[in-house]
């Protein structure tokens, strides 16, 4: 989810939705799956960030923030797992801009996004 000016106060809900879909969904998912991976000392966490997280781009500041947060989360998680000698692996994917269908009716529905990512 991306687009629109960061400073526009009429976009508060849009900004919150963007953070929830692009960043918080990763955090919530990791909290659900990581305990069983740690118990088995096996697994692989894969996150989807974006190349836009590497530099600020006009009109997508909230998107950039949400994707940069994934980078920080994954780097921290990698270091935490390493600290505990865990065999759970991490990968952070940073694709370039791709054309997507933004007219999906459930575009901001986190359950839809999570279900789609899993299946």
Foldseek 3Di string as FASTA:
>chain_A
DFFAAPPPVVCVVVLVLLLCQLAVLLVVVCVVPVVVCQVVLDEEREHEAAPCLVDPDPGGNSNNVSRVNVVVVQVVVQVVCVVVVGNYYYYYDHYYDDDDDCPDVCNSPNVVSVVVVVD
